[in-house]
C-alpha atoms as a PDB file:
ATOM      1  CA  UNK A   1      -0.783  20.161 -22.336  1.00  0.00           C
ATOM      2  CA  UNK A   2       2.522  20.267 -20.475  1.00  0.00           C
ATOM      3  CA  UNK A   3       2.366  21.183 -16.822  1.00  0.00           C
ATOM      4  CA  UNK A   4       4.339  24.099 -15.474  1.00  0.00           C
ATOM      5  CA  UNK A   5       5.912  24.356 -12.071  1.00  0.00           C
ATOM      6  CA  UNK A   6       3.052  26.566 -10.891  1.00  0.00           C
ATOM      7  CA  UNK A   7       0.301  24.137 -11.819  1.00  0.00           C
ATOM      8  CA  UNK A   8       1.694  20.717 -11.016  1.00  0.00           C
ATOM      9  CA  UNK A   9      -1.068  18.336 -10.064  1.00  0.00           C
ATOM     10  CA  UNK A  10      -0.656  16.483  -6.764  1.00  0.00           C
ATOM     11  CA  UNK A  11      -0.133  12.777  -6.206  1.00  0.00           C
ATOM     12  CA  UNK A  12      -2.848  11.128  -4.119  1.00  0.00           C
ATOM     13  CA  UNK A  13      -1.831   8.384  -1.674  1.00  0.00           C
ATOM     14  CA  UNK A  14      -4.682   6.181  -0.469  1.00  0.00           C
ATOM     15  CA  UNK A  15      -4.847   3.691   2.388  1.00  0.00           C
ATOM     16  CA  UNK A  16      -7.404   2.287   4.772  1.00  0.00           C
ATOM     17  CA  UNK A  17      -5.573   3.974   7.642  1.00  0.00           C
ATOM     18  CA  UNK A  18      -2.178   5.485   8.327  1.00  0.00           C
ATOM     19  CA  UNK A  19      -0.041   2.612   7.038  1.00  0.00           C
ATOM     20  CA  UNK A  20       0.368   4.327   3.682  1.00  0.00           C
ATOM     21  CA  UNK A  21       2.564   6.904   5.383  1.00  0.00           C
ATOM     22  CA  UNK A  22       5.403   4.391   4.935  1.00  0.00           C
ATOM     23  CA  UNK A  23       4.935   4.745   1.168  1.00  0.00           C
ATOM     24  CA  UNK A  24       4.377   8.507   1.294  1.00  0.00           C
ATOM     25  CA  UNK A  25       7.694   8.928   3.083  1.00  0.00           C
ATOM     26  CA  UNK A  26       9.577   7.187   0.241  1.00  0.00           C
ATOM     27  CA  UNK A  27       7.569   8.879  -2.533  1.00  0.00           C
ATOM     28  CA  UNK A  28       8.387  12.345  -1.209  1.00  0.00           C
ATOM     29  CA  UNK A  29      12.106  11.594  -1.435  1.00  0.00           C
ATOM     30  CA  UNK A  30      11.862  10.596  -5.090  1.00  0.00           C
ATOM     31  CA  UNK A  31       9.240  13.167  -6.121  1.00  0.00           C
ATOM     32  CA  UNK A  32      10.188  16.374  -4.290  1.00  0.00           C
ATOM     33  CA  UNK A  33       8.540  18.626  -6.873  1.00  0.00           C
ATOM     34  CA  UNK A  34       5.074  17.154  -6.262  1.00  0.00           C
ATOM     35  CA  UNK A  35       2.495  17.971  -3.630  1.00  0.00           C
ATOM     36  CA  UNK A  36       0.777  15.055  -1.941  1.00  0.00           C
ATOM     37  CA  UNK A  37      -2.733  14.404  -0.693  1.00  0.00           C
ATOM     38  CA  UNK A  38      -2.956  11.562   1.805  1.00  0.00           C
ATOM     39  CA  UNK A  39      -6.375   9.903   2.091  1.00  0.00           C
ATOM     40  CA  UNK A  40      -7.147   7.523   4.950  1.00  0.00           C
ATOM     41  CA  UNK A  41     -10.439   5.647   4.851  1.00  0.00           C
ATOM     42  CA  UNK A  42     -10.467   5.424   8.615  1.00  0.00           C
ATOM     43  CA  UNK A  43     -14.275   5.198   8.607  1.00  0.00           C
ATOM     44  CA  UNK A  44     -13.882   1.828   6.891  1.00  0.00           C
ATOM     45  CA  UNK A  45     -10.765   0.664   8.766  1.00  0.00           C
ATOM     46  CA  UNK A  46      -9.744  -2.122   9.028  1.00  0.00           C
ATOM     47  CA  UNK A  47     -10.390  -3.534   5.563  1.00  0.00           C
ATOM     48  CA  UNK A  48      -9.367  -7.084   6.487  1.00  0.00           C
ATOM     49  CA  UNK A  49     -12.743  -7.950   7.991  1.00  0.00           C
ATOM     50  CA  UNK A  50     -14.939  -6.680   5.124  1.00  0.00           C
ATOM     51  CA  UNK A  51     -16.818  -8.895   2.692  1.00  0.00           C
ATOM     52  CA  UNK A  52     -15.428  -8.474  -0.805  1.00  0.00           C
ATOM     53  CA  UNK A  53     -18.463  -7.089  -2.654  1.00  0.00           C
ATOM     54  CA  UNK A  54     -19.316  -4.198  -0.301  1.00  0.00           C
ATOM     55  CA  UNK A  55     -15.649  -3.279   0.145  1.00  0.00           C
ATOM     56  CA  UNK A  56     -15.060  -3.225  -3.619  1.00  0.00           C
ATOM     57  CA  UNK A  57     -18.075  -0.952  -4.062  1.00  0.00           C
ATOM     58  CA  UNK A  58     -16.960   1.320  -1.253  1.00  0.00           C
ATOM     59  CA  UNK A  59     -13.524   1.747  -2.821  1.00  0.00           C
ATOM     60  CA  UNK A  60     -14.987   2.505  -6.252  1.00  0.00           C
ATOM     61  CA  UNK A  61     -17.434   5.021  -4.791  1.00  0.00           C
ATOM     62  CA  UNK A  62     -14.677   6.696  -2.792  1.00  0.00           C
ATOM     63  CA  UNK A  63     -12.456   7.051  -5.830  1.00  0.00           C
ATOM     64  CA  UNK A  64     -15.230   8.522  -7.917  1.00  0.00           C
ATOM     65  CA  UNK A  65     -15.391  11.296  -5.303  1.00  0.00           C
ATOM     66  CA  UNK A  66     -11.650  11.601  -4.759  1.00  0.00           C
ATOM     67  CA  UNK A  67     -10.711  11.906  -8.417  1.00  0.00           C
ATOM     68  CA  UNK A  68     -13.457  14.421  -9.137  1.00  0.00           C
ATOM     69  CA  UNK A  69     -12.602  16.506  -6.072  1.00  0.00           C
ATOM     70  CA  UNK A  70      -8.793  16.575  -6.160  1.00  0.00           C
ATOM     71  CA  UNK A  71      -7.902  15.824  -9.827  1.00  0.00           C
ATOM     72  CA  UNK A  72      -4.539  14.206  -9.024  1.00  0.00           C
ATOM     73  CA  UNK A  73      -1.781  13.460 -11.502  1.00  0.00           C
ATOM     74  CA  UNK A  74      -1.594   9.886 -10.236  1.00  0.00           C
ATOM     75  CA  UNK A  75      -2.829   7.683  -7.405  1.00  0.00           C
ATOM     76  CA  UNK A  76      -0.751   5.410  -5.217  1.00  0.00           C
ATOM     77  CA  UNK A  77      -3.042   2.781  -3.711  1.00  0.00           C
ATOM     78  CA  UNK A  78      -0.868   2.079  -0.682  1.00  0.00           C
ATOM     79  CA  UNK A  79      -2.981  -0.795   0.575  1.00  0.00           C
ATOM     80  CA  UNK A  80      -2.542  -4.433  -0.424  1.00  0.00           C
ATOM     81  CA  UNK A  81      -6.098  -5.346   0.549  1.00  0.00           C
ATOM     82  CA  UNK A  82      -7.643  -2.541  -1.511  1.00  0.00           C
ATOM     83  CA  UNK A  83      -5.508  -3.029  -4.598  1.00  0.00           C
ATOM     84  CA  UNK A  84      -5.600  -6.821  -4.779  1.00  0.00           C
ATOM     85  CA  UNK A  85      -9.384  -6.585  -4.491  1.00  0.00           C
ATOM     86  CA  UNK A  86     -10.241  -3.545  -6.606  1.00  0.00           C
ATOM     87  CA  UNK A  87      -7.165  -2.567  -8.626  1.00  0.00           C
ATOM     88  CA  UNK A  88      -8.482  -3.989 -11.891  1.00  0.00           C
ATOM     89  CA  UNK A  89     -11.887  -2.387 -11.297  1.00  0.00           C
ATOM     90  CA  UNK A  90     -10.294   0.999 -10.600  1.00  0.00           C
ATOM     91  CA  UNK A  91      -8.298   0.930 -13.813  1.00  0.00           C
ATOM     92  CA  UNK A  92     -11.376  -0.053 -15.799  1.00  0.00           C
ATOM     93  CA  UNK A  93     -13.589   2.569 -14.157  1.00  0.00           C
ATOM     94  CA  UNK A  94     -11.025   5.390 -14.477  1.00  0.00           C
ATOM     95  CA  UNK A  95      -8.914   4.560 -17.548  1.00  0.00           C
ATOM     96  CA  UNK A  96      -7.363   8.019 -17.796  1.00  0.00           C
ATOM     97  CA  UNK A  97      -5.837   7.891 -14.311  1.00  0.00           C
ATOM     98  CA  UNK A  98      -2.410   6.477 -13.463  1.00  0.00           C
ATOM     99  CA  UNK A  99      -2.786   3.953 -10.638  1.00  0.00           C
ATOM    100  CA  UNK A 100       0.289   2.649  -8.846  1.00  0.00           C
ATOM    101  CA  UNK A 101      -0.718  -0.427  -6.927  1.00  0.00           C
ATOM    102  CA  UNK A 102       0.548  -2.254  -3.883  1.00  0.00           C
ATOM    103  CA  UNK A 103       0.752  -6.022  -4.068  1.00  0.00           C
ATOM    104  CA  UNK A 104       2.620  -8.549  -1.910  1.00  0.00           C
ATOM    105  CA  UNK A 105       6.335  -8.536  -2.807  1.00  0.00           C
ATOM    106  CA  UNK A 106       6.343 -12.240  -3.622  1.00  0.00           C
ATOM    107  CA  UNK A 107       8.465 -12.029  -6.777  1.00  0.00           C
ATOM    108  CA  UNK A 108      11.453 -10.293  -5.114  1.00  0.00           C
ATOM    109  CA  UNK A 109      11.111 -12.618  -2.116  1.00  0.00           C
ATOM    110  CA  UNK A 110      11.332 -15.670  -4.379  1.00  0.00           C
ATOM    111  CA  UNK A 111      14.387 -14.187  -6.095  1.00  0.00           C
ATOM    112  CA  UNK A 112      16.201 -13.474  -2.812  1.00  0.00           C
ATOM    113  CA  UNK A 113      15.424 -16.530  -0.675  1.00  0.00           C
ATOM    114  CA  UNK A 114      18.212 -19.024  -0.112  1.00  0.00           C
ATOM    115  CA  UNK A 115      16.266 -21.523   1.964  1.00  0.00           C
ATOM    116  CA  UNK A 116      13.198 -21.573  -0.285  1.00  0.00           C
ATOM    117  CA  UNK A 117      11.009 -20.874   2.746  1.00  0.00           C
ATOM    118  CA  UNK A 118       9.105 -17.600   2.437  1.00  0.00           C
ATOM    119  CA  UNK A 119       6.258 -16.248   4.547  1.00  0.00           C
ATOM    120  CA  UNK A 120       3.767 -13.559   3.571  1.00  0.00           C
ATOM    121  CA  UNK A 121       2.485 -11.577   6.557  1.00  0.00           C
ATOM    122  CA  UNK A 122      -0.736  -9.885   5.488  1.00  0.00           C
ATOM    123  CA  UNK A 123      -4.313  -9.108   6.428  1.00  0.00           C
ATOM    124  CA  UNK A 124      -6.875 -11.916   6.179  1.00  0.00           C
ATOM    125  CA  UNK A 125      -8.329 -10.238   3.078  1.00  0.00           C
ATOM    126  CA  UNK A 126      -5.000 -10.225   1.222  1.00  0.00           C
ATOM    127  CA  UNK A 127      -4.263 -13.824   2.217  1.00  0.00           C
ATOM    128  CA  UNK A 128      -7.525 -15.161   0.800  1.00  0.00           C
ATOM    129  CA  UNK A 129      -7.367 -13.125  -2.406  1.00  0.00           C
ATOM    130  CA  UNK A 130      -6.911 -15.051  -5.662  1.00  0.00           C
ATOM    131  CA  UNK A 131      -4.551 -12.257  -6.771  1.00  0.00           C
ATOM    132  CA  UNK A 132      -2.093 -13.252  -4.037  1.00  0.00           C
ATOM    133  CA  UNK A 133      -2.224 -16.935  -4.928  1.00  0.00           C
ATOM    134  CA  UNK A 134      -1.713 -16.093  -8.590  1.00  0.00           C
ATOM    135  CA  UNK A 135       1.464 -14.198  -7.651  1.00  0.00           C
ATOM    136  CA  UNK A 136       2.737 -17.259  -5.816  1.00  0.00           C
ATOM    137  CA  UNK A 137       1.945 -19.540  -8.742  1.00  0.00           C
ATOM    138  CA  UNK A 138       3.593 -17.171 -11.219  1.00  0.00           C
ATOM    139  CA  UNK A 139       6.729 -16.210  -9.316  1.00  0.00           C
ATOM    140  CA  UNK A 140       7.272 -18.545  -6.355  1.00  0.00           C
ATOM    141  CA  UNK A 141       6.148 -21.970  -7.502  1.00  0.00           C
ATOM    142  CA  UNK A 142       9.485 -23.470  -6.456  1.00  0.00           C
ATOM    143  CA  UNK A 143       9.294 -21.983  -2.969  1.00  0.00           C
ATOM    144  CA  UNK A 144       7.385 -23.066   0.081  1.00  0.00           C
ATOM    145  CA  UNK A 145       5.239 -19.988   0.758  1.00  0.00           C
ATOM    146  CA  UNK A 146       3.313 -19.709   3.993  1.00  0.00           C
ATOM    147  CA  UNK A 147       0.454 -17.197   4.021  1.00  0.00           C
ATOM    148  CA  UNK A 148      -0.135 -15.675   7.451  1.00  0.00           C
ATOM    149  CA  UNK A 149      -3.279 -13.568   7.824  1.00  0.00           C
ATOM    150  CA  UNK A 150      -3.173 -11.400  10.924  1.00  0.00           C
ATOM    151  CA  UNK A 151      -6.425 -10.116  12.358  1.00  0.00           C
ATOM    152  CA  UNK A 152      -4.770  -7.661  14.741  1.00  0.00           C
ATOM    153  CA  UNK A 153      -1.434  -6.345  13.454  1.00  0.00           C
ATOM    154  CA  UNK A 154      -2.799  -3.421  11.440  1.00  0.00           C
ATOM    155  CA  UNK A 155      -4.520  -2.063  14.544  1.00  0.00           C
ATOM    156  CA  UNK A 156      -1.397  -2.710  16.622  1.00  0.00           C
ATOM    157  CA  UNK A 157       0.777  -0.868  14.117  1.00  0.00           C
ATOM    158  CA  UNK A 158      -1.534   2.142  14.141  1.00  0.00           C
ATOM    159  CA  UNK A 159      -1.470   2.184  17.928  1.00  0.00           C
ATOM    160  CA  UNK A 160       2.320   1.822  18.012  1.00  0.00           C
ATOM    161  CA  UNK A 161       3.054   4.649  15.597  1.00  0.00           C
ATOM    162  CA  UNK A 162       0.733   6.906  17.626  1.00  0.00           C
ATOM    163  CA  UNK A 163       2.846   6.205  20.692  1.00  0.00           C
ATOM    164  CA  UNK A 164       0.468   3.811  22.426  1.00  0.00           C
ATOM    165  CA  UNK A 165       1.853   0.703  24.192  1.00  0.00           C
ATOM    166  CA  UNK A 166       1.805  -2.625  22.342  1.00  0.00           C
ATOM    167  CA  UNK A 167       2.814  -5.769  24.207  1.00  0.00           C
ATOM    168  CA  UNK A 168       5.602  -8.004  22.929  1.00  0.00           C
ATOM    169  CA  UNK A 169       3.479 -11.063  23.653  1.00  0.00           C
ATOM    170  CA  UNK A 170       0.647  -9.818  21.449  1.00  0.00           C
ATOM    171  CA  UNK A 171       2.971  -9.005  18.547  1.00  0.00           C
ATOM    172  CA  UNK A 172       4.832 -12.307  18.831  1.00  0.00           C
ATOM    173  CA  UNK A 173       1.556 -14.237  18.727  1.00  0.00           C
ATOM    174  CA  UNK A 174       0.779 -12.615  15.368  1.00  0.00           C
ATOM    175  CA  UNK A 175       4.181 -13.161  13.726  1.00  0.00           C
ATOM    176  CA  UNK A 176       5.093 -16.582  15.177  1.00  0.00           C
ATOM    177  CA  UNK A 177       3.384 -18.566  12.350  1.00  0.00           C
ATOM    178  CA  UNK A 178       5.767 -16.906   9.851  1.00  0.00           C
ATOM    179  CA  UNK A 179       8.716 -18.907  11.135  1.00  0.00           C
ATOM    180  CA  UNK A 180       8.947 -22.350   9.549  1.00  0.00           C
ATOM    181  CA  UNK A 181      11.565 -25.087   9.959  1.00  0.00           C
ATOM    182  CA  UNK A 182      11.594 -27.751   7.248  1.00  0.00           C
ATOM    183  CA  UNK A 183      14.222 -30.387   6.540  1.00  0.00           C
ATOM    184  CA  UNK A 184      16.865 -28.393   8.366  1.00  0.00           C
ATOM    185  CA  UNK A 185      16.006 -25.141   6.547  1.00  0.00           C
ATOM    186  CA  UNK A 186      14.450 -22.050   8.074  1.00  0.00           C
ATOM    187  CA  UNK A 187      12.274 -19.223   6.796  1.00  0.00           C
ATOM    188  CA  UNK A 188      14.653 -16.499   5.648  1.00  0.00           C
ATOM    189  CA  UNK A 189      12.282 -13.888   4.169  1.00  0.00           C
ATOM    190  CA  UNK A 190       8.998 -12.483   5.484  1.00  0.00           C
ATOM    191  CA  UNK A 191       7.053 -10.294   3.075  1.00  0.00           C
ATOM    192  CA  UNK A 192       5.337  -7.396   4.836  1.00  0.00           C
ATOM    193  CA  UNK A 193       2.159  -7.429   2.752  1.00  0.00           C
ATOM    194  CA  UNK A 194       0.433  -4.590   4.567  1.00  0.00           C
ATOM    195  CA  UNK A 195       1.766  -1.045   4.527  1.00  0.00           C
ATOM    196  CA  UNK A 196       1.036  -0.726   8.253  1.00  0.00           C
ATOM    197  CA  UNK A 197       3.471  -3.463   9.236  1.00  0.00           C
ATOM    198  CA  UNK A 198       6.802  -1.670   8.577  1.00  0.00           C
ATOM    199  CA  UNK A 199       5.972   0.611  11.504  1.00  0.00           C
ATOM    200  CA  UNK A 200       6.600  -2.455  13.686  1.00  0.00           C
ATOM    201  CA  UNK A 201       9.662  -3.725  11.808  1.00  0.00           C
ATOM    202  CA  UNK A 202      12.079  -3.021  14.664  1.00  0.00           C
ATOM    203  CA  UNK A 203       9.790  -4.857  17.072  1.00  0.00           C
ATOM    204  CA  UNK A 204       9.576  -7.787  14.652  1.00  0.00           C
ATOM    205  CA  UNK A 205      13.368  -7.980  14.405  1.00  0.00           C
ATOM    206  CA  UNK A 206      13.740  -7.973  18.161  1.00  0.00           C
ATOM    207  CA  UNK A 207      11.147 -10.702  18.731  1.00  0.00           C
ATOM    208  CA  UNK A 208      11.997 -12.991  15.800  1.00  0.00           C
ATOM    209  CA  UNK A 209      13.314 -16.442  16.837  1.00  0.00           C
ATOM    210  CA  UNK A 210      16.029 -16.096  14.172  1.00  0.00           C
ATOM    211  CA  UNK A 211      17.116 -13.352  11.758  1.00  0.00           C
ATOM    212  CA  UNK A 212      15.068 -12.953   8.559  1.00  0.00           C
ATOM    213  CA  UNK A 213      14.792 -10.347   5.815  1.00  0.00           C
ATOM    214  CA  UNK A 214      11.612  -8.344   6.462  1.00  0.00           C
ATOM    215  CA  UNK A 215      10.681  -7.235   2.954  1.00  0.00           C
ATOM    216  CA  UNK A 216       9.134  -3.746   2.903  1.00  0.00           C
ATOM    217  CA  UNK A 217       7.794  -2.781  -0.559  1.00  0.00           C
ATOM    218  CA  UNK A 218       7.483   0.970   0.127  1.00  0.00           C
ATOM    219  CA  UNK A 219      10.620   2.003  -1.749  1.00  0.00           C
ATOM    220  CA  UNK A 220       9.738  -0.126  -4.789  1.00  0.00           C
ATOM    221  CA  UNK A 221       6.241   1.398  -4.895  1.00  0.00           C
ATOM    222  CA  UNK A 222       7.736   4.899  -4.776  1.00  0.00           C
ATOM    223  CA  UNK A 223      10.166   4.056  -7.597  1.00  0.00           C
ATOM    224  CA  UNK A 224       7.284   2.855  -9.757  1.00  0.00           C
ATOM    225  CA  UNK A 225       5.381   6.073  -9.038  1.00  0.00           C
ATOM    226  CA  UNK A 226       8.429   8.106 -10.067  1.00  0.00           C
ATOM    227  CA  UNK A 227       8.632   6.169 -13.345  1.00  0.00           C
ATOM    228  CA  UNK A 228       4.991   6.895 -14.158  1.00  0.00           C
ATOM    229  CA  UNK A 229       4.723  10.529 -13.041  1.00  0.00           C
ATOM    230  CA  UNK A 230       6.366  13.086 -15.332  1.00  0.00           C
ATOM    231  CA  UNK A 231       9.414  14.823 -13.919  1.00  0.00           C
ATOM    232  CA  UNK A 232       9.135  18.554 -14.580  1.00  0.00           C
ATOM    233  CA  UNK A 233      12.586  20.093 -14.764  1.00  0.00           C
ATOM    234  CA  UNK A 234      12.974  23.201 -12.634  1.00  0.00           C
ATOM    235  CA  UNK A 235       9.603  22.765 -10.937  1.00  0.00           C
ATOM    236  CA  UNK A 236       9.286  23.941  -7.363  1.00  0.00           C
ATOM    237  CA  UNK A 237       7.187  22.252  -4.734  1.00  0.00           C
ATOM    238  CA  UNK A 238       3.666  23.731  -5.067  1.00  0.00           C
ATOM    239  CA  UNK A 239       1.787  25.528  -2.329  1.00  0.00           C
ATOM    240  CA  UNK A 240      -1.577  24.366  -1.062  1.00  0.00           C
ATOM    241  CA  UNK A 241      -1.059  20.618  -1.070  1.00  0.00           C
ATOM    242  CA  UNK A 242       0.494  18.238   1.457  1.00  0.00           C
ATOM    243  CA  UNK A 243      -2.625  17.614   3.479  1.00  0.00           C
ATOM    244  CA  UNK A 244      -4.459  14.566   4.810  1.00  0.00           C
ATOM    245  CA  UNK A 245      -8.110  13.641   4.462  1.00  0.00           C
ATOM    246  CA  UNK A 246      -9.797  11.209   6.849  1.00  0.00           C
ATOM    247  CA  UNK A 247     -13.136   9.810   5.707  1.00  0.00           C
ATOM    248  CA  UNK A 248     -14.451   9.842   9.281  1.00  0.00           C
ATOM    249  CA  UNK A 249     -13.844  13.595   9.349  1.00  0.00           C
ATOM    250  CA  UNK A 250     -12.697  13.246  12.932  1.00  0.00           C
ATOM    251  CA  UNK A 251      -9.192  11.819  13.474  1.00  0.00           C
ATOM    252  CA  UNK A 252      -8.164  11.711  17.119  1.00  0.00           C
ATOM    253  CA  UNK A 253      -5.547  13.932  18.716  1.00  0.00           C
ATOM    254  CA  UNK A 254      -2.669  11.448  18.437  1.00  0.00           C
ATOM    255  CA  UNK A 255      -3.416  10.945  14.746  1.00  0.00           C
ATOM    256  CA  UNK A 256      -3.479  14.695  14.138  1.00  0.00           C
ATOM    257  CA  UNK A 257      -0.140  15.035  15.899  1.00  0.00           C
ATOM    258  CA  UNK A 258       1.285  12.204  13.776  1.00  0.00           C
ATOM    259  CA  UNK A 259       0.123  13.906  10.582  1.00  0.00           C
ATOM    260  CA  UNK A 260       1.802  17.127  11.690  1.00  0.00           C
ATOM    261  CA  UNK A 261       5.001  15.156  12.190  1.00  0.00           C
ATOM    262  CA  UNK A 262       4.759  14.115   8.535  1.00  0.00           C
ATOM    263  CA  UNK A 263       4.173  17.728   7.501  1.00  0.00           C
ATOM    264  CA  UNK A 264       0.512  17.171   6.639  1.00  0.00           C
ATOM    265  CA  UNK A 265      -2.374  19.465   7.531  1.00  0.00           C
ATOM    266  CA  UNK A 266      -5.791  17.928   8.192  1.00  0.00           C
ATOM    267  CA  UNK A 267      -8.436  18.869   5.621  1.00  0.00           C
ATOM    268  CA  UNK A 268     -12.209  18.506   5.821  1.00  0.00           C
ATOM    269  CA  UNK A 269     -13.292  15.595   3.604  1.00  0.00           C
ATOM    270  CA  UNK A 270     -15.367  16.800   0.651  1.00  0.00           C
ATOM    271  CA  UNK A 271     -16.774  13.349  -0.027  1.00  0.00           C
ATOM    272  CA  UNK A 272     -20.250  11.998  -0.599  1.00  0.00           C
ATOM    273  CA  UNK A 273     -19.533   8.475   0.620  1.00  0.00           C
ATOM    274  CA  UNK A 274     -21.008   7.936   4.073  1.00  0.00           C
ATOM    275  CA  UNK A 275     -18.491   8.078   6.905  1.00  0.00           C
ATOM    276  CA  UNK A 276     -19.803   4.842   8.380  1.00  0.00           C
ATOM    277  CA  UNK A 277     -20.516   1.407   7.029  1.00  0.00           C
END
């Protein structure tokens, strides 16, 4: 049945923390007629340190609750770690739902590089995932691709966007392995393979030993969501959506203030999954 402007279903944006706000920002521009529900699994954050089996099960259990509770039109999984691990499982478990995934932007990086030296800055979980290596084999076999798994950048990015101080030395230590010199050539593209990292893009540019293209996939993810979600002509933005859900049920003051800055109210999570590991 066709949707009317008064009953448009929302789009759900999911991330382990607040990094998915980079994708939400772009999706709102392209999908102004839709309401959005932002879900942060802050009780499980950060995902990079989880073992694969329990994290996969947690994500599947969370989505069983989320889809039943909020009945979205589509889901943007704005988390490389979650989607490279559980994207296939989500589509199999919920075949009637549109899932827009987030994967490292290795194909566009391979198409754009002039030096042939590309780095992928990601979480440890994304770096070790077979999905990521398959992308390299499929689209960047002729490039030298360095995978850099950062243990700390996602936390740093969350702190930075909340207005907390982050030292240049600490950031530089995390990004330094991305910069490779080989046979007179230099890394010219760094793929930001975690939606948290674009929050620090200006810091990265300032600290980089030479200029590179920091590839942020947020706009491409939003374009894919727009392609998959029906555009309803004449629809007005619905009331009652545009809120954020934190699985901990207790985001701190700076996080609440940040959500307000993005025009998102904080809602009580109506989820069965335990708020702790």
